[in-house]
C-alpha atoms as a PDB file:
ATOM      1  CA  MET A   1     125.014  -9.785  63.589  1.00  0.00           C
ATOM      2  CA  LYS A   2     125.436 -10.687  59.936  1.00  0.00           C
ATOM      3  CA  ILE A   3     126.221 -14.358  59.243  1.00  0.00           C
ATOM      4  CA  THR A   4     129.402 -14.653  57.153  1.00  0.00           C
ATOM      5  CA  PRO A   5     131.573 -17.591  56.035  1.00  0.00           C
ATOM      6  CA  SER A   6     134.231 -16.571  58.550  1.00  0.00           C
ATOM      7  CA  LYS A   7     131.736 -16.515  61.437  1.00  0.00           C
ATOM      8  CA  LEU A   8     130.308 -19.870  60.367  1.00  0.00           C
ATOM      9  CA  ASN A   9     133.793 -21.407  60.260  1.00  0.00           C
ATOM     10  CA  THR A  10     134.506 -20.103  63.767  1.00  0.00           C
ATOM     11  CA  TYR A  11     131.134 -21.501  64.856  1.00  0.00           C
ATOM     12  CA  THR A  12     132.082 -24.972  63.585  1.00  0.00           C
ATOM     13  CA  MET A  13     135.379 -24.837  65.465  1.00  0.00           C
ATOM     14  CA  PHE A  14     133.605 -24.313  68.800  1.00  0.00           C
ATOM     15  CA  LYS A  15     130.184 -25.933  68.325  1.00  0.00           C
ATOM     16  CA  LEU A  16     130.860 -28.662  65.726  1.00  0.00           C
ATOM     17  CA  PRO A  17     134.502 -29.616  66.304  1.00  0.00           C
ATOM     18  CA  SER A  18     134.292 -32.926  64.423  1.00  0.00           C
ATOM     19  CA  ALA A  19     133.195 -31.053  61.290  1.00  0.00           C
ATOM     20  CA  TYR A  20     135.920 -28.456  61.780  1.00  0.00           C
ATOM     21  CA  PHE A  21     138.711 -31.002  62.269  1.00  0.00           C
ATOM     22  CA  CYS A  22     137.510 -32.982  59.250  1.00  0.00           C
ATOM     23  CA  GLY A  23     137.906 -29.827  57.131  1.00  0.00           C
ATOM     24  CA  VAL A  24     134.322 -28.651  56.596  1.00  0.00           C
ATOM     25  CA  ARG A  25     134.497 -24.960  55.615  1.00  0.00           C
ATOM     26  CA  THR A  26     131.900 -22.462  54.435  1.00  0.00           C
ATOM     27  CA  LYS A  27     133.094 -20.602  51.344  1.00  0.00           C
ATOM     28  CA  HIS A  28     130.055 -18.516  50.407  1.00  0.00           C
ATOM     29  CA  ILE A  29     126.649 -17.675  51.797  1.00  0.00           C
ATOM     30  CA  ASP A  30     123.986 -15.244  50.667  1.00  0.00           C
ATOM     31  CA  MET A  31     120.198 -15.159  50.649  1.00  0.00           C
ATOM     32  CA  ASP A  32     119.907 -17.754  47.886  1.00  0.00           C
ATOM     33  CA  GLU A  33     122.715 -20.255  48.322  1.00  0.00           C
ATOM     34  CA  CYS A  34     125.374 -21.642  50.602  1.00  0.00           C
ATOM     35  CA  ILE A  35     128.614 -23.273  49.432  1.00  0.00           C
ATOM     36  CA  VAL A  36     130.567 -25.552  51.764  1.00  0.00           C
ATOM     37  CA  THR A  37     133.760 -27.441  50.914  1.00  0.00           C
ATOM     38  CA  VAL A  38     135.683 -30.327  52.404  1.00  0.00           C
ATOM     39  CA  ARG A  39     138.928 -31.862  51.158  1.00  0.00           C
ATOM     40  CA  HIS A  40     139.635 -35.591  51.226  1.00  0.00           C
ATOM     41  CA  ARG A  41     142.392 -36.125  53.812  1.00  0.00           C
ATOM     42  CA  TRP A  42     143.687 -38.848  56.074  1.00  0.00           C
ATOM     43  CA  ILE A  43     141.426 -37.794  58.965  1.00  0.00           C
ATOM     44  CA  ASN A  44     138.207 -38.065  56.932  1.00  0.00           C
ATOM     45  CA  GLN A  45     138.947 -41.092  54.760  1.00  0.00           C
ATOM     46  CA  ASN A  46     137.296 -44.485  54.604  1.00  0.00           C
ATOM     47  CA  PRO A  47     139.068 -47.809  53.931  1.00  0.00           C
ATOM     48  CA  PHE A  48     138.370 -47.426  50.191  1.00  0.00           C
ATOM     49  CA  LYS A  49     140.642 -44.385  49.720  1.00  0.00           C
ATOM     50  CA  SER A  50     137.858 -41.841  49.468  1.00  0.00           C
ATOM     51  CA  MET A  51     135.978 -39.548  51.821  1.00  0.00           C
ATOM     52  CA  PHE A  52     133.838 -41.169  54.510  1.00  0.00           C
ATOM     53  CA  TRP A  53     130.137 -40.726  53.742  1.00  0.00           C
ATOM     54  CA  ALA A  54     129.429 -39.100  57.124  1.00  0.00           C
ATOM     55  CA  VAL A  55     131.955 -36.328  56.456  1.00  0.00           C
ATOM     56  CA  GLN A  56     130.180 -35.588  53.188  1.00  0.00           C
ATOM     57  CA  GLY A  57     126.940 -35.564  55.158  1.00  0.00           C
ATOM     58  CA  MET A  58     128.308 -33.024  57.646  1.00  0.00           C
ATOM     59  CA  ALA A  59     129.298 -30.658  54.841  1.00  0.00           C
ATOM     60  CA  ALA A  60     126.017 -31.156  52.987  1.00  0.00           C
ATOM     61  CA  GLU A  61     123.894 -30.669  56.099  1.00  0.00           C
ATOM     62  CA  PHE A  62     125.826 -27.551  57.038  1.00  0.00           C
ATOM     63  CA  SER A  63     125.144 -26.022  53.615  1.00  0.00           C
ATOM     64  CA  THR A  64     121.398 -26.435  54.184  1.00  0.00           C
ATOM     65  CA  GLY A  65     121.420 -25.517  57.871  1.00  0.00           C
ATOM     66  CA  ALA A  66     123.522 -22.373  57.475  1.00  0.00           C
ATOM     67  CA  LEU A  67     121.151 -21.116  54.777  1.00  0.00           C
ATOM     68  CA  MET A  68     118.247 -21.859  57.111  1.00  0.00           C
ATOM     69  CA  MET A  69     119.977 -19.908  59.923  1.00  0.00           C
ATOM     70  CA  VAL A  70     120.415 -16.867  57.643  1.00  0.00           C
ATOM     71  CA  LYS A  71     116.750 -16.921  56.710  1.00  0.00           C
ATOM     72  CA  ILE A  72     115.574 -17.324  60.305  1.00  0.00           C
ATOM     73  CA  GLN A  73     117.798 -14.429  61.372  1.00  0.00           C
ATOM     74  CA  GLU A  74     116.371 -12.304  58.560  1.00  0.00           C
ATOM     75  CA  SER A  75     112.802 -13.038  59.715  1.00  0.00           C
ATOM     76  CA  SER A  76     113.499 -11.609  63.217  1.00  0.00           C
ATOM     77  CA  LYS A  77     111.153 -14.257  64.639  1.00  0.00           C
ATOM     78  CA  PRO A  78     112.010 -16.921  67.226  1.00  0.00           C
ATOM     79  CA  ILE A  79     111.981 -19.996  64.977  1.00  0.00           C
ATOM     80  CA  SER A  80     113.320 -23.412  65.900  1.00  0.00           C
ATOM     81  CA  MET A  81     114.839 -25.722  63.301  1.00  0.00           C
ATOM     82  CA  LEU A  82     115.530 -29.457  63.320  1.00  0.00           C
ATOM     83  CA  VAL A  83     116.504 -32.123  60.797  1.00  0.00           C
ATOM     84  CA  VAL A  84     113.887 -34.885  60.916  1.00  0.00           C
ATOM     85  CA  LYS A  85     114.926 -37.065  57.952  1.00  0.00           C
ATOM     86  CA  ASN A  86     117.676 -37.359  55.397  1.00  0.00           C
ATOM     87  CA  GLU A  87     118.432 -39.278  52.218  1.00  0.00           C
ATOM     88  CA  SER A  88     121.648 -39.571  50.267  1.00  0.00           C
ATOM     89  CA  THR A  89     122.920 -40.928  46.985  1.00  0.00           C
ATOM     90  CA  PHE A  90     126.570 -41.570  46.137  1.00  0.00           C
ATOM     91  CA  THR A  91     127.555 -41.642  42.469  1.00  0.00           C
ATOM     92  CA  LYS A  92     131.357 -41.396  42.472  1.00  0.00           C
ATOM     93  CA  LYS A  93     134.271 -41.739  44.889  1.00  0.00           C
ATOM     94  CA  ALA A  94     134.807 -38.496  46.774  1.00  0.00           C
ATOM     95  CA  THR A  95     138.482 -37.546  46.476  1.00  0.00           C
ATOM     96  CA  GLY A  96     140.157 -34.160  46.321  1.00  0.00           C
ATOM     97  CA  LEU A  97     138.134 -31.029  47.099  1.00  0.00           C
ATOM     98  CA  ILE A  98     134.383 -31.651  47.301  1.00  0.00           C
ATOM     99  CA  THR A  99     132.024 -28.681  47.047  1.00  0.00           C
ATOM    100  CA  PHE A 100     128.473 -28.860  48.382  1.00  0.00           C
ATOM    101  CA  VAL A 101     125.946 -26.327  47.127  1.00  0.00           C
ATOM    102  CA  CYS A 102     122.465 -25.684  48.457  1.00  0.00           C
ATOM    103  CA  ASN A 103     120.414 -23.066  46.635  1.00  0.00           C
ATOM    104  CA  ASP A 104     117.021 -23.495  48.294  1.00  0.00           C
ATOM    105  CA  GLY A 105     116.746 -19.962  49.696  1.00  0.00           C
ATOM    106  CA  GLN A 106     113.344 -19.250  48.134  1.00  0.00           C
ATOM    107  CA  MET A 107     111.926 -22.508  49.469  1.00  0.00           C
ATOM    108  CA  ILE A 108     112.985 -21.503  52.991  1.00  0.00           C
ATOM    109  CA  ASP A 109     111.373 -18.073  52.567  1.00  0.00           C
ATOM    110  CA  ASP A 110     108.089 -19.698  51.585  1.00  0.00           C
ATOM    111  CA  ALA A 111     108.111 -22.139  54.525  1.00  0.00           C
ATOM    112  CA  ILE A 112     109.000 -19.428  57.054  1.00  0.00           C
ATOM    113  CA  ASN A 113     106.246 -17.145  55.749  1.00  0.00           C
ATOM    114  CA  ILE A 114     103.651 -19.924  56.079  1.00  0.00           C
ATOM    115  CA  ALA A 115     104.896 -20.814  59.585  1.00  0.00           C
ATOM    116  CA  ILE A 116     104.625 -17.166  60.678  1.00  0.00           C
ATOM    117  CA  GLU A 117     101.183 -16.654  59.107  1.00  0.00           C
ATOM    118  CA  THR A 118      99.617 -19.871  60.393  1.00  0.00           C
ATOM    119  CA  GLY A 119     101.566 -20.479  63.600  1.00  0.00           C
ATOM    120  CA  GLU A 120     101.933 -24.099  62.514  1.00  0.00           C
ATOM    121  CA  GLY A 121     105.190 -25.970  62.053  1.00  0.00           C
ATOM    122  CA  GLN A 122     106.370 -26.550  58.506  1.00  0.00           C
ATOM    123  CA  THR A 123     108.641 -29.132  56.901  1.00  0.00           C
ATOM    124  CA  LEU A 124     110.677 -28.772  53.751  1.00  0.00           C
ATOM    125  CA  TRP A 125     113.127 -30.947  51.857  1.00  0.00           C
ATOM    126  CA  MET A 126     116.384 -29.173  51.048  1.00  0.00           C
ATOM    127  CA  THR A 127     119.026 -30.515  48.663  1.00  0.00           C
ATOM    128  CA  SER A 128     122.805 -30.194  48.673  1.00  0.00           C
ATOM    129  CA  ILE A 129     124.796 -31.506  45.727  1.00  0.00           C
ATOM    130  CA  GLY A 130     128.451 -32.410  46.131  1.00  0.00           C
ATOM    131  CA  THR A 131     130.805 -32.138  43.165  1.00  0.00           C
ATOM    132  CA  ASN A 132     134.517 -32.801  42.784  1.00  0.00           C
ATOM    133  CA  GLU A 133     137.158 -30.520  41.286  1.00  0.00           C
ATOM    134  CA  GLU A 134     136.261 -31.701  37.772  1.00  0.00           C
ATOM    135  CA  GLY A 135     132.646 -30.649  38.339  1.00  0.00           C
ATOM    136  CA  LEU A 136     131.388 -34.243  38.502  1.00  0.00           C
ATOM    137  CA  GLU A 137     128.654 -35.029  40.992  1.00  0.00           C
ATOM    138  CA  VAL A 138     129.872 -37.353  43.756  1.00  0.00           C
ATOM    139  CA  SER A 139     126.874 -37.260  46.093  1.00  0.00           C
ATOM    140  CA  THR A 140     123.469 -35.727  46.676  1.00  0.00           C
ATOM    141  CA  PHE A 141     122.007 -35.215  50.118  1.00  0.00           C
ATOM    142  CA  LYS A 142     118.420 -34.317  50.934  1.00  0.00           C
ATOM    143  CA  PHE A 143     117.475 -33.121  54.410  1.00  0.00           C
ATOM    144  CA  GLN A 144     113.940 -32.688  55.668  1.00  0.00           C
ATOM    145  CA  TRP A 145     113.958 -29.706  57.996  1.00  0.00           C
ATOM    146  CA  SER A 146     111.182 -28.897  60.429  1.00  0.00           C
ATOM    147  CA  ILE A 147     110.660 -25.283  61.460  1.00  0.00           C
ATOM    148  CA  LYS A 148     108.311 -23.840  64.040  1.00  0.00           C
ATOM    149  CA  VAL A 149     107.676 -20.386  65.416  1.00  0.00           C
ATOM    150  CA  ARG A 150     108.217 -20.562  69.177  1.00  0.00           C
END
């Protein structure tokens, strides 16, 4: 089954309902990048009239994780995946539509190939950058993913 934005959005509704109700939506996914958006609304706000940091984190993590899922599916191997660390930086208030982009597809390919060849688990740091409607960066999230062939 091919992973598409529509299927990912349905997945969030049933498996990640907090992300779905906060407005996290996948807009684009291919072998190189994943684009996820979330709009600042009442349900995902903080007391400072901007988007709560954890909602940004859900969208950012999903952009990295969905890309990882596509790559694992493409490999046809039973590979487990888990976030083991994360870091974030906030540079501007997140208001309006925030777009998170992860374009670490090649890095995932390399890690999966090494994991398959060696049978050893691999870790990789993936980045998702969030920008507002004016194209200004509002936050950057880095997630350290661990993968292992089962």
